[in-house]
């Protein structure tokens, strides 16, 4: 079975009709066995259902979409789970565990009201949650300069690139191993037995990872050390919030170290980690777990397509 997710920078892209990339997951026995990123080829929302059907996609996980797109997908035999956000790999894993809630057609521009609420619910109506697990970190980040329109670079499927290099704008496949400065490994494509595929310079990877691959030769192996500003950025103290448990329905059963999605005023979901909790209050951290960390990567360029 194949599951597709609207994709941008490792996260669920929030506007189905404007997504430039999908991440396609091959699933067997309710487990992800392979994944790759495909280009939407710049087609409009009316043709995206056909594109996914041609890829034999059975399930789409996305952020927002309208009723017309929803009907087109269903007519193409594709099941839709809308309203997702945050890390794409995590969202798909949550779907496979039955923890992702479908919001249905949700591009109606109405707010959900003030405050936060838990974005996923278990069978008892509580707040669903899970640990980070192996999130395939490998350099996915929020857009900074890598994926935004700007001067210089080339263009791929309407995407303008701001970095230079012979591999920029090309589909590449790499093996990599990521470690902290103490030598602890946090991720490895070698261990998964499958190279990572992405469009170099499209903002799908953290900046330092993209820059390292931009001028590599096939078969070349490089070692890079990335400061936080080239990786997941510095920690933002404003991304740590403390809420009264009574104001966050479903949070009663959460424990320190667990992760959950919150829904903001715009109805968008975002992942947070519980960092503290007492009888009345709970503290949630929306910083990426790698924020503020210096990272090391050994990267091997396997193929340029």
C-alpha atoms as a PDB file:
ATOM      1  CA  UNK A   1       0.000   0.000   0.000  1.00  0.00           C
ATOM      2  CA  UNK A   2       1.191   3.536  -0.767  1.00  0.00           C
ATOM      3  CA  UNK A   3       0.492   6.600   1.364  1.00  0.00           C
ATOM      4  CA  UNK A   4       1.289  10.110   0.135  1.00  0.00           C
ATOM      5  CA  UNK A   5       1.742  13.259   2.229  1.00  0.00           C
ATOM      6  CA  UNK A   6       1.830  16.847   0.986  1.00  0.00           C
ATOM      7  CA  UNK A   7       5.450  17.716   1.631  1.00  0.00           C
ATOM      8  CA  UNK A   8       7.614  20.737   2.316  1.00  0.00           C
ATOM      9  CA  UNK A   9      10.871  20.822   4.276  1.00  0.00           C
ATOM     10  CA  UNK A  10      10.110  17.538   6.007  1.00  0.00           C
ATOM     11  CA  UNK A  11       6.727  18.827   7.142  1.00  0.00           C
ATOM     12  CA  UNK A  12       3.134  18.448   5.983  1.00  0.00           C
ATOM     13  CA  UNK A  13       2.474  21.219   3.441  1.00  0.00           C
ATOM     14  CA  UNK A  14      -0.727  22.987   4.446  1.00  0.00           C
ATOM     15  CA  UNK A  15      -2.305  23.812   1.063  1.00  0.00           C
ATOM     16  CA  UNK A  16      -3.040  20.718  -1.028  1.00  0.00           C
ATOM     17  CA  UNK A  17      -3.711  22.607  -4.259  1.00  0.00           C
ATOM     18  CA  UNK A  18      -0.369  24.409  -4.119  1.00  0.00           C
ATOM     19  CA  UNK A  19       1.902  21.607  -2.950  1.00  0.00           C
ATOM     20  CA  UNK A  20       5.043  21.174  -5.066  1.00  0.00           C
ATOM     21  CA  UNK A  21       6.077  17.857  -3.558  1.00  0.00           C
ATOM     22  CA  UNK A  22       4.586  14.703  -2.130  1.00  0.00           C
ATOM     23  CA  UNK A  23       6.392  12.209   0.039  1.00  0.00           C
ATOM     24  CA  UNK A  24       5.304   8.705  -0.900  1.00  0.00           C
ATOM     25  CA  UNK A  25       5.509   5.935   1.694  1.00  0.00           C
ATOM     26  CA  UNK A  26       5.478   2.215   0.908  1.00  0.00           C
ATOM     27  CA  UNK A  27       3.696   0.401   3.736  1.00  0.00           C
ATOM     28  CA  UNK A  28       3.568  -3.315   4.529  1.00  0.00           C
ATOM     29  CA  UNK A  29       2.029  -4.876   7.636  1.00  0.00           C
ATOM     30  CA  UNK A  30       1.213  -1.361   8.855  1.00  0.00           C
ATOM     31  CA  UNK A  31       4.914  -0.396   8.834  1.00  0.00           C
ATOM     32  CA  UNK A  32       6.822   2.016   6.598  1.00  0.00           C
ATOM     33  CA  UNK A  33       9.376   0.068   4.548  1.00  0.00           C
ATOM     34  CA  UNK A  34      10.401   2.734   2.028  1.00  0.00           C
ATOM     35  CA  UNK A  35       9.797   6.376   1.107  1.00  0.00           C
ATOM     36  CA  UNK A  36      10.660   8.839  -1.626  1.00  0.00           C
ATOM     37  CA  UNK A  37       9.812  12.408  -2.618  1.00  0.00           C
ATOM     38  CA  UNK A  38       8.080  13.135  -5.937  1.00  0.00           C
ATOM     39  CA  UNK A  39       7.447  16.418  -7.755  1.00  0.00           C
ATOM     40  CA  UNK A  40       3.899  17.539  -8.460  1.00  0.00           C
ATOM     41  CA  UNK A  41       5.174  18.828 -11.841  1.00  0.00           C
ATOM     42  CA  UNK A  42       3.409  22.132 -11.271  1.00  0.00           C
ATOM     43  CA  UNK A  43      -0.056  20.752 -12.015  1.00  0.00           C
ATOM     44  CA  UNK A  44      -3.062  22.484 -10.477  1.00  0.00           C
ATOM     45  CA  UNK A  45      -5.253  21.040  -7.759  1.00  0.00           C
ATOM     46  CA  UNK A  46      -7.672  19.655 -10.331  1.00  0.00           C
ATOM     47  CA  UNK A  47      -4.984  17.352 -11.740  1.00  0.00           C
ATOM     48  CA  UNK A  48      -3.308  16.341  -8.485  1.00  0.00           C
ATOM     49  CA  UNK A  49      -5.843  13.586  -7.820  1.00  0.00           C
ATOM     50  CA  UNK A  50      -4.960  12.035 -11.180  1.00  0.00           C
ATOM     51  CA  UNK A  51      -1.248  12.379 -10.462  1.00  0.00           C
ATOM     52  CA  UNK A  52      -1.619  10.531  -7.172  1.00  0.00           C
ATOM     53  CA  UNK A  53      -3.866   7.885  -8.721  1.00  0.00           C
ATOM     54  CA  UNK A  54      -1.201   7.261 -11.381  1.00  0.00           C
ATOM     55  CA  UNK A  55       1.275   6.646  -8.534  1.00  0.00           C
ATOM     56  CA  UNK A  56      -1.143   4.050  -7.086  1.00  0.00           C
ATOM     57  CA  UNK A  57      -1.628   6.138  -3.933  1.00  0.00           C
ATOM     58  CA  UNK A  58      -4.382   4.784  -1.686  1.00  0.00           C
ATOM     59  CA  UNK A  59      -4.232   7.323   1.160  1.00  0.00           C
ATOM     60  CA  UNK A  60      -3.387  11.036   1.207  1.00  0.00           C
ATOM     61  CA  UNK A  61      -2.374  12.871   4.380  1.00  0.00           C
ATOM     62  CA  UNK A  62      -2.502  16.646   4.049  1.00  0.00           C
ATOM     63  CA  UNK A  63      -3.161  19.932   5.821  1.00  0.00           C
ATOM     64  CA  UNK A  64      -5.933  21.956   4.221  1.00  0.00           C
ATOM     65  CA  UNK A  65      -8.048  21.199   1.168  1.00  0.00           C
ATOM     66  CA  UNK A  66     -11.425  22.246  -0.182  1.00  0.00           C
ATOM     67  CA  UNK A  67     -14.522  20.233  -0.916  1.00  0.00           C
ATOM     68  CA  UNK A  68     -13.837  20.044  -4.653  1.00  0.00           C
ATOM     69  CA  UNK A  69     -10.374  18.577  -4.142  1.00  0.00           C
ATOM     70  CA  UNK A  70     -11.732  16.164  -1.551  1.00  0.00           C
ATOM     71  CA  UNK A  71     -14.380  14.903  -3.960  1.00  0.00           C
ATOM     72  CA  UNK A  72     -11.835  14.538  -6.781  1.00  0.00           C
ATOM     73  CA  UNK A  73      -9.552  12.476  -4.563  1.00  0.00           C
ATOM     74  CA  UNK A  74     -12.369  10.263  -3.380  1.00  0.00           C
ATOM     75  CA  UNK A  75     -13.554   9.753  -6.960  1.00  0.00           C
ATOM     76  CA  UNK A  76     -10.016   8.623  -7.781  1.00  0.00           C
ATOM     77  CA  UNK A  77     -10.251   6.009  -5.026  1.00  0.00           C
ATOM     78  CA  UNK A  78      -7.946   7.849  -2.637  1.00  0.00           C
ATOM     79  CA  UNK A  79      -8.768   8.023   1.071  1.00  0.00           C
ATOM     80  CA  UNK A  80      -8.011  11.434   2.612  1.00  0.00           C
ATOM     81  CA  UNK A  81      -6.896  12.363   6.114  1.00  0.00           C
ATOM     82  CA  UNK A  82      -6.844  16.179   6.273  1.00  0.00           C
ATOM     83  CA  UNK A  83      -5.901  18.574   9.052  1.00  0.00           C
ATOM     84  CA  UNK A  84      -2.421  17.149   9.680  1.00  0.00           C
ATOM     85  CA  UNK A  85       0.678  19.284  10.210  1.00  0.00           C
ATOM     86  CA  UNK A  86       4.198  19.096  11.524  1.00  0.00           C
ATOM     87  CA  UNK A  87       6.718  16.381  10.650  1.00  0.00           C
ATOM     88  CA  UNK A  88       5.455  14.270   7.735  1.00  0.00           C
ATOM     89  CA  UNK A  89       7.073  11.026   8.916  1.00  0.00           C
ATOM     90  CA  UNK A  90       5.516  11.461  12.347  1.00  0.00           C
ATOM     91  CA  UNK A  91       2.081  12.190  10.875  1.00  0.00           C
ATOM     92  CA  UNK A  92       2.169   9.022   8.747  1.00  0.00           C
ATOM     93  CA  UNK A  93       3.302   6.939  11.706  1.00  0.00           C
ATOM     94  CA  UNK A  94       0.475   8.366  13.781  1.00  0.00           C
ATOM     95  CA  UNK A  95      -1.983   7.534  10.992  1.00  0.00           C
ATOM     96  CA  UNK A  96      -0.783   3.943  10.966  1.00  0.00           C
ATOM     97  CA  UNK A  97      -1.280   3.804  14.745  1.00  0.00           C
ATOM     98  CA  UNK A  98      -4.823   5.151  14.390  1.00  0.00           C
ATOM     99  CA  UNK A  99      -3.963   8.429  16.159  1.00  0.00           C
ATOM    100  CA  UNK A 100      -4.507  10.894  13.309  1.00  0.00           C
ATOM    101  CA  UNK A 101      -7.940  12.531  13.132  1.00  0.00           C
ATOM    102  CA  UNK A 102      -9.391  13.566   9.751  1.00  0.00           C
ATOM    103  CA  UNK A 103     -10.785  17.108   9.737  1.00  0.00           C
ATOM    104  CA  UNK A 104     -12.475  16.683   6.347  1.00  0.00           C
ATOM    105  CA  UNK A 105     -12.600  19.579   3.878  1.00  0.00           C
ATOM    106  CA  UNK A 106     -11.209  22.473   5.887  1.00  0.00           C
ATOM    107  CA  UNK A 107     -10.288  25.327   3.546  1.00  0.00           C
ATOM    108  CA  UNK A 108     -13.184  27.536   4.558  1.00  0.00           C
ATOM    109  CA  UNK A 109     -11.083  30.317   6.118  1.00  0.00           C
ATOM    110  CA  UNK A 110     -12.956  30.192   9.434  1.00  0.00           C
ATOM    111  CA  UNK A 111     -11.016  30.235  12.683  1.00  0.00           C
ATOM    112  CA  UNK A 112     -11.470  27.522  15.267  1.00  0.00           C
ATOM    113  CA  UNK A 113     -11.746  29.978  18.096  1.00  0.00           C
ATOM    114  CA  UNK A 114      -9.257  31.115  20.689  1.00  0.00           C
ATOM    115  CA  UNK A 115      -6.832  29.034  22.646  1.00  0.00           C
ATOM    116  CA  UNK A 116      -5.284  25.640  22.009  1.00  0.00           C
ATOM    117  CA  UNK A 117      -6.681  22.179  21.877  1.00  0.00           C
ATOM    118  CA  UNK A 118      -5.173  18.758  21.429  1.00  0.00           C
ATOM    119  CA  UNK A 119      -5.132  17.893  17.748  1.00  0.00           C
ATOM    120  CA  UNK A 120      -5.369  14.098  18.052  1.00  0.00           C
ATOM    121  CA  UNK A 121      -7.713  12.031  20.166  1.00  0.00           C
ATOM    122  CA  UNK A 122      -7.674   8.422  21.233  1.00  0.00           C
ATOM    123  CA  UNK A 123     -10.697   6.158  21.228  1.00  0.00           C
ATOM    124  CA  UNK A 124     -11.803   7.537  24.586  1.00  0.00           C
ATOM    125  CA  UNK A 125     -11.781  11.092  23.254  1.00  0.00           C
ATOM    126  CA  UNK A 126      -8.595  11.996  25.100  1.00  0.00           C
ATOM    127  CA  UNK A 127      -5.424  13.487  23.755  1.00  0.00           C
ATOM    128  CA  UNK A 128      -3.491  11.015  21.624  1.00  0.00           C
ATOM    129  CA  UNK A 129       0.270  11.110  21.821  1.00  0.00           C
ATOM    130  CA  UNK A 130       3.455   9.268  20.975  1.00  0.00           C
ATOM    131  CA  UNK A 131       7.190   9.575  21.373  1.00  0.00           C
ATOM    132  CA  UNK A 132       9.480  11.001  18.717  1.00  0.00           C
ATOM    133  CA  UNK A 133      10.856   7.605  17.767  1.00  0.00           C
ATOM    134  CA  UNK A 134      13.009   7.428  14.662  1.00  0.00           C
ATOM    135  CA  UNK A 135      11.794  10.485  12.842  1.00  0.00           C
ATOM    136  CA  UNK A 136      14.316  10.246  10.043  1.00  0.00           C
ATOM    137  CA  UNK A 137      15.724  13.621  11.002  1.00  0.00           C
ATOM    138  CA  UNK A 138      18.443  13.630   8.309  1.00  0.00           C
ATOM    139  CA  UNK A 139      18.247  17.363   7.848  1.00  0.00           C
ATOM    140  CA  UNK A 140      14.598  18.354   7.367  1.00  0.00           C
ATOM    141  CA  UNK A 141      13.828  21.821   8.644  1.00  0.00           C
ATOM    142  CA  UNK A 142      11.497  24.776   8.337  1.00  0.00           C
ATOM    143  CA  UNK A 143      12.014  27.038   5.321  1.00  0.00           C
ATOM    144  CA  UNK A 144      14.609  29.692   5.640  1.00  0.00           C
ATOM    145  CA  UNK A 145      16.452  30.881   2.553  1.00  0.00           C
ATOM    146  CA  UNK A 146      16.747  27.489   0.900  1.00  0.00           C
ATOM    147  CA  UNK A 147      13.216  27.163  -0.403  1.00  0.00           C
ATOM    148  CA  UNK A 148      12.007  30.727  -0.757  1.00  0.00           C
ATOM    149  CA  UNK A 149      11.820  32.805  -3.903  1.00  0.00           C
ATOM    150  CA  UNK A 150      14.857  34.993  -4.317  1.00  0.00           C
ATOM    151  CA  UNK A 151      17.624  36.000  -6.693  1.00  0.00           C
ATOM    152  CA  UNK A 152      20.188  33.677  -8.171  1.00  0.00           C
ATOM    153  CA  UNK A 153      20.153  29.944  -8.690  1.00  0.00           C
ATOM    154  CA  UNK A 154      17.951  27.927 -10.985  1.00  0.00           C
ATOM    155  CA  UNK A 155      14.295  27.027 -11.080  1.00  0.00           C
ATOM    156  CA  UNK A 156      12.665  23.604 -10.746  1.00  0.00           C
ATOM    157  CA  UNK A 157       8.918  23.127 -10.993  1.00  0.00           C
ATOM    158  CA  UNK A 158       8.399  26.817 -10.153  1.00  0.00           C
ATOM    159  CA  UNK A 159      10.880  26.616  -7.242  1.00  0.00           C
ATOM    160  CA  UNK A 160      13.636  29.239  -7.276  1.00  0.00           C
ATOM    161  CA  UNK A 161      16.953  28.290  -5.695  1.00  0.00           C
ATOM    162  CA  UNK A 162      19.165  30.686  -3.800  1.00  0.00           C
ATOM    163  CA  UNK A 163      22.261  28.503  -3.506  1.00  0.00           C
ATOM    164  CA  UNK A 164      24.662  27.552  -6.270  1.00  0.00           C
ATOM    165  CA  UNK A 165      26.171  24.225  -7.252  1.00  0.00           C
ATOM    166  CA  UNK A 166      26.020  21.748 -10.101  1.00  0.00           C
ATOM    167  CA  UNK A 167      23.564  19.516  -8.214  1.00  0.00           C
ATOM    168  CA  UNK A 168      21.151  22.305  -7.260  1.00  0.00           C
ATOM    169  CA  UNK A 169      17.720  21.634  -8.746  1.00  0.00           C
ATOM    170  CA  UNK A 170      18.579  17.999  -9.432  1.00  0.00           C
ATOM    171  CA  UNK A 171      17.007  14.936  -7.867  1.00  0.00           C
ATOM    172  CA  UNK A 172      19.697  13.270  -5.794  1.00  0.00           C
ATOM    173  CA  UNK A 173      20.018  10.184  -3.613  1.00  0.00           C
ATOM    174  CA  UNK A 174      22.413  10.131  -0.676  1.00  0.00           C
ATOM    175  CA  UNK A 175      23.423   7.891   2.170  1.00  0.00           C
ATOM    176  CA  UNK A 176      24.258   9.667   5.415  1.00  0.00           C
ATOM    177  CA  UNK A 177      25.048   9.146   9.067  1.00  0.00           C
ATOM    178  CA  UNK A 178      24.300  11.874  11.625  1.00  0.00           C
ATOM    179  CA  UNK A 179      26.088  12.172  14.966  1.00  0.00           C
ATOM    180  CA  UNK A 180      26.361  14.586  17.864  1.00  0.00           C
ATOM    181  CA  UNK A 181      29.754  15.923  18.941  1.00  0.00           C
ATOM    182  CA  UNK A 182      30.111  13.164  21.529  1.00  0.00           C
ATOM    183  CA  UNK A 183      29.880  10.570  18.767  1.00  0.00           C
ATOM    184  CA  UNK A 184      26.311   9.483  19.528  1.00  0.00           C
ATOM    185  CA  UNK A 185      24.469   8.561  16.338  1.00  0.00           C
ATOM    186  CA  UNK A 186      21.004  10.094  15.973  1.00  0.00           C
ATOM    187  CA  UNK A 187      20.144   8.932  12.465  1.00  0.00           C
ATOM    188  CA  UNK A 188      21.496   6.814   9.603  1.00  0.00           C
ATOM    189  CA  UNK A 189      20.183   5.910   6.163  1.00  0.00           C
ATOM    190  CA  UNK A 190      22.725   3.080   6.113  1.00  0.00           C
ATOM    191  CA  UNK A 191      20.895   1.442   8.994  1.00  0.00           C
ATOM    192  CA  UNK A 192      17.615   1.681   7.073  1.00  0.00           C
ATOM    193  CA  UNK A 193      19.256   0.247   3.960  1.00  0.00           C
ATOM    194  CA  UNK A 194      17.792   2.892   1.634  1.00  0.00           C
ATOM    195  CA  UNK A 195      19.352   6.166   0.385  1.00  0.00           C
ATOM    196  CA  UNK A 196      17.484   9.409   0.982  1.00  0.00           C
ATOM    197  CA  UNK A 197      16.027  11.051  -2.155  1.00  0.00           C
ATOM    198  CA  UNK A 198      15.427  14.805  -2.401  1.00  0.00           C
ATOM    199  CA  UNK A 199      15.759  17.806  -4.710  1.00  0.00           C
ATOM    200  CA  UNK A 200      19.038  19.514  -3.877  1.00  0.00           C
ATOM    201  CA  UNK A 201      18.644  23.169  -2.930  1.00  0.00           C
ATOM    202  CA  UNK A 202      14.840  23.078  -2.818  1.00  0.00           C
ATOM    203  CA  UNK A 203      14.659  23.691   0.919  1.00  0.00           C
ATOM    204  CA  UNK A 204      13.694  20.083   1.636  1.00  0.00           C
ATOM    205  CA  UNK A 205      16.814  19.706   3.798  1.00  0.00           C
ATOM    206  CA  UNK A 206      18.513  21.840   6.413  1.00  0.00           C
ATOM    207  CA  UNK A 207      20.778  24.426   4.813  1.00  0.00           C
ATOM    208  CA  UNK A 208      24.114  22.909   5.768  1.00  0.00           C
ATOM    209  CA  UNK A 209      23.140  19.489   4.435  1.00  0.00           C
ATOM    210  CA  UNK A 210      21.955  20.993   1.140  1.00  0.00           C
ATOM    211  CA  UNK A 211      25.110  23.071   0.759  1.00  0.00           C
ATOM    212  CA  UNK A 212      27.321  20.028   1.326  1.00  0.00           C
ATOM    213  CA  UNK A 213      25.602  18.072  -1.464  1.00  0.00           C
ATOM    214  CA  UNK A 214      25.420  20.962  -3.949  1.00  0.00           C
ATOM    215  CA  UNK A 215      28.873  20.349  -5.498  1.00  0.00           C
ATOM    216  CA  UNK A 216      29.553  16.707  -4.621  1.00  0.00           C
ATOM    217  CA  UNK A 217      30.510  14.075  -7.195  1.00  0.00           C
ATOM    218  CA  UNK A 218      28.698  10.739  -7.381  1.00  0.00           C
ATOM    219  CA  UNK A 219      30.561   8.324  -5.117  1.00  0.00           C
ATOM    220  CA  UNK A 220      32.158  11.115  -3.092  1.00  0.00           C
ATOM    221  CA  UNK A 221      31.936  11.029   0.710  1.00  0.00           C
ATOM    222  CA  UNK A 222      32.213  14.219   2.771  1.00  0.00           C
ATOM    223  CA  UNK A 223      32.172  14.958   6.491  1.00  0.00           C
ATOM    224  CA  UNK A 224      30.499  18.202   7.590  1.00  0.00           C
ATOM    225  CA  UNK A 225      30.076  19.894  10.968  1.00  0.00           C
ATOM    226  CA  UNK A 226      27.002  22.136  11.183  1.00  0.00           C
ATOM    227  CA  UNK A 227      26.413  24.914  13.677  1.00  0.00           C
ATOM    228  CA  UNK A 228      22.777  25.423  14.800  1.00  0.00           C
ATOM    229  CA  UNK A 229      22.157  28.211  12.287  1.00  0.00           C
ATOM    230  CA  UNK A 230      22.995  25.749   9.477  1.00  0.00           C
ATOM    231  CA  UNK A 231      20.890  23.006  11.048  1.00  0.00           C
ATOM    232  CA  UNK A 232      17.713  23.377  13.121  1.00  0.00           C
ATOM    233  CA  UNK A 233      18.377  26.881  14.393  1.00  0.00           C
ATOM    234  CA  UNK A 234      18.773  28.128  17.943  1.00  0.00           C
ATOM    235  CA  UNK A 235      16.202  27.426  20.620  1.00  0.00           C
ATOM    236  CA  UNK A 236      13.414  30.008  20.885  1.00  0.00           C
ATOM    237  CA  UNK A 237      12.328  30.615  24.486  1.00  0.00           C
ATOM    238  CA  UNK A 238       9.014  31.981  23.190  1.00  0.00           C
ATOM    239  CA  UNK A 239       8.217  28.526  21.794  1.00  0.00           C
ATOM    240  CA  UNK A 240       7.918  27.160  25.351  1.00  0.00           C
ATOM    241  CA  UNK A 241       4.438  27.659  26.779  1.00  0.00           C
ATOM    242  CA  UNK A 242       2.822  26.812  30.119  1.00  0.00           C
ATOM    243  CA  UNK A 243      -0.928  26.198  30.184  1.00  0.00           C
ATOM    244  CA  UNK A 244      -3.415  25.270  32.854  1.00  0.00           C
ATOM    245  CA  UNK A 245      -4.328  21.602  32.460  1.00  0.00           C
ATOM    246  CA  UNK A 246      -7.993  22.503  32.740  1.00  0.00           C
ATOM    247  CA  UNK A 247      -7.599  24.742  29.662  1.00  0.00           C
ATOM    248  CA  UNK A 248      -6.133  21.921  27.545  1.00  0.00           C
ATOM    249  CA  UNK A 249      -8.676  19.110  27.383  1.00  0.00           C
ATOM    250  CA  UNK A 250      -7.054  15.714  27.091  1.00  0.00           C
ATOM    251  CA  UNK A 251      -3.733  16.757  28.608  1.00  0.00           C
ATOM    252  CA  UNK A 252      -4.442  15.073  31.932  1.00  0.00           C
ATOM    253  CA  UNK A 253      -2.934  11.800  30.763  1.00  0.00           C
ATOM    254  CA  UNK A 254       0.234  13.235  29.236  1.00  0.00           C
ATOM    255  CA  UNK A 255       3.621  12.596  30.821  1.00  0.00           C
ATOM    256  CA  UNK A 256       6.913  14.488  30.673  1.00  0.00           C
ATOM    257  CA  UNK A 257       8.847  13.537  27.537  1.00  0.00           C
ATOM    258  CA  UNK A 258       5.789  12.630  25.465  1.00  0.00           C
ATOM    259  CA  UNK A 259       4.799  14.423  22.263  1.00  0.00           C
ATOM    260  CA  UNK A 260       1.424  15.688  21.125  1.00  0.00           C
ATOM    261  CA  UNK A 261      -0.059  17.954  18.480  1.00  0.00           C
ATOM    262  CA  UNK A 262      -1.765  21.201  19.441  1.00  0.00           C
ATOM    263  CA  UNK A 263      -4.195  23.122  17.247  1.00  0.00           C
ATOM    264  CA  UNK A 264      -3.752  26.877  17.029  1.00  0.00           C
ATOM    265  CA  UNK A 265      -6.326  29.618  16.371  1.00  0.00           C
ATOM    266  CA  UNK A 266      -6.058  29.028  12.610  1.00  0.00           C
ATOM    267  CA  UNK A 267      -6.831  25.343  12.962  1.00  0.00           C
ATOM    268  CA  UNK A 268      -3.248  24.387  12.133  1.00  0.00           C
ATOM    269  CA  UNK A 269      -1.595  21.601  14.080  1.00  0.00           C
ATOM    270  CA  UNK A 270       1.972  21.688  15.371  1.00  0.00           C
ATOM    271  CA  UNK A 271       4.001  19.223  17.450  1.00  0.00           C
ATOM    272  CA  UNK A 272       5.096  19.950  21.029  1.00  0.00           C
ATOM    273  CA  UNK A 273       6.887  17.981  23.740  1.00  0.00           C
ATOM    274  CA  UNK A 274       5.834  17.913  27.396  1.00  0.00           C
ATOM    275  CA  UNK A 275       8.760  19.242  29.440  1.00  0.00           C
ATOM    276  CA  UNK A 276       7.116  19.762  32.850  1.00  0.00           C
ATOM    277  CA  UNK A 277       3.832  19.026  34.571  1.00  0.00           C
ATOM    278  CA  UNK A 278       2.309  19.350  38.011  1.00  0.00           C
ATOM    279  CA  UNK A 279      -1.215  19.041  39.375  1.00  0.00           C
ATOM    280  CA  UNK A 280      -2.441  22.226  37.710  1.00  0.00           C
ATOM    281  CA  UNK A 281      -0.104  23.238  34.863  1.00  0.00           C
ATOM    282  CA  UNK A 282       1.659  21.641  31.900  1.00  0.00           C
ATOM    283  CA  UNK A 283       4.665  23.049  30.021  1.00  0.00           C
ATOM    284  CA  UNK A 284       5.004  22.357  26.293  1.00  0.00           C
ATOM    285  CA  UNK A 285       8.037  22.992  24.074  1.00  0.00           C
ATOM    286  CA  UNK A 286       7.451  23.620  20.341  1.00  0.00           C
ATOM    287  CA  UNK A 287      11.168  23.865  19.534  1.00  0.00           C
ATOM    288  CA  UNK A 288      12.542  21.141  17.295  1.00  0.00           C
ATOM    289  CA  UNK A 289      14.297  18.523  19.391  1.00  0.00           C
ATOM    290  CA  UNK A 290      17.558  19.267  17.521  1.00  0.00           C
ATOM    291  CA  UNK A 291      17.315  23.057  17.995  1.00  0.00           C
ATOM    292  CA  UNK A 292      20.513  24.525  19.424  1.00  0.00           C
ATOM    293  CA  UNK A 293      22.540  21.397  18.646  1.00  0.00           C
ATOM    294  CA  UNK A 294      25.719  21.192  16.576  1.00  0.00           C
ATOM    295  CA  UNK A 295      25.421  18.266  14.191  1.00  0.00           C
ATOM    296  CA  UNK A 296      27.869  16.138  12.220  1.00  0.00           C
ATOM    297  CA  UNK A 297      27.033  14.346   8.979  1.00  0.00           C
ATOM    298  CA  UNK A 298      28.947  11.893   6.850  1.00  0.00           C
ATOM    299  CA  UNK A 299      27.304  12.154   3.435  1.00  0.00           C
ATOM    300  CA  UNK A 300      27.796   9.882   0.427  1.00  0.00           C
ATOM    301  CA  UNK A 301      26.333  10.976  -2.907  1.00  0.00           C
ATOM    302  CA  UNK A 302      24.881   7.822  -4.439  1.00  0.00           C
ATOM    303  CA  UNK A 303      23.117   9.128  -7.541  1.00  0.00           C
ATOM    304  CA  UNK A 304      22.188  12.293  -9.424  1.00  0.00           C
ATOM    305  CA  UNK A 305      19.085  11.932 -11.622  1.00  0.00           C
END
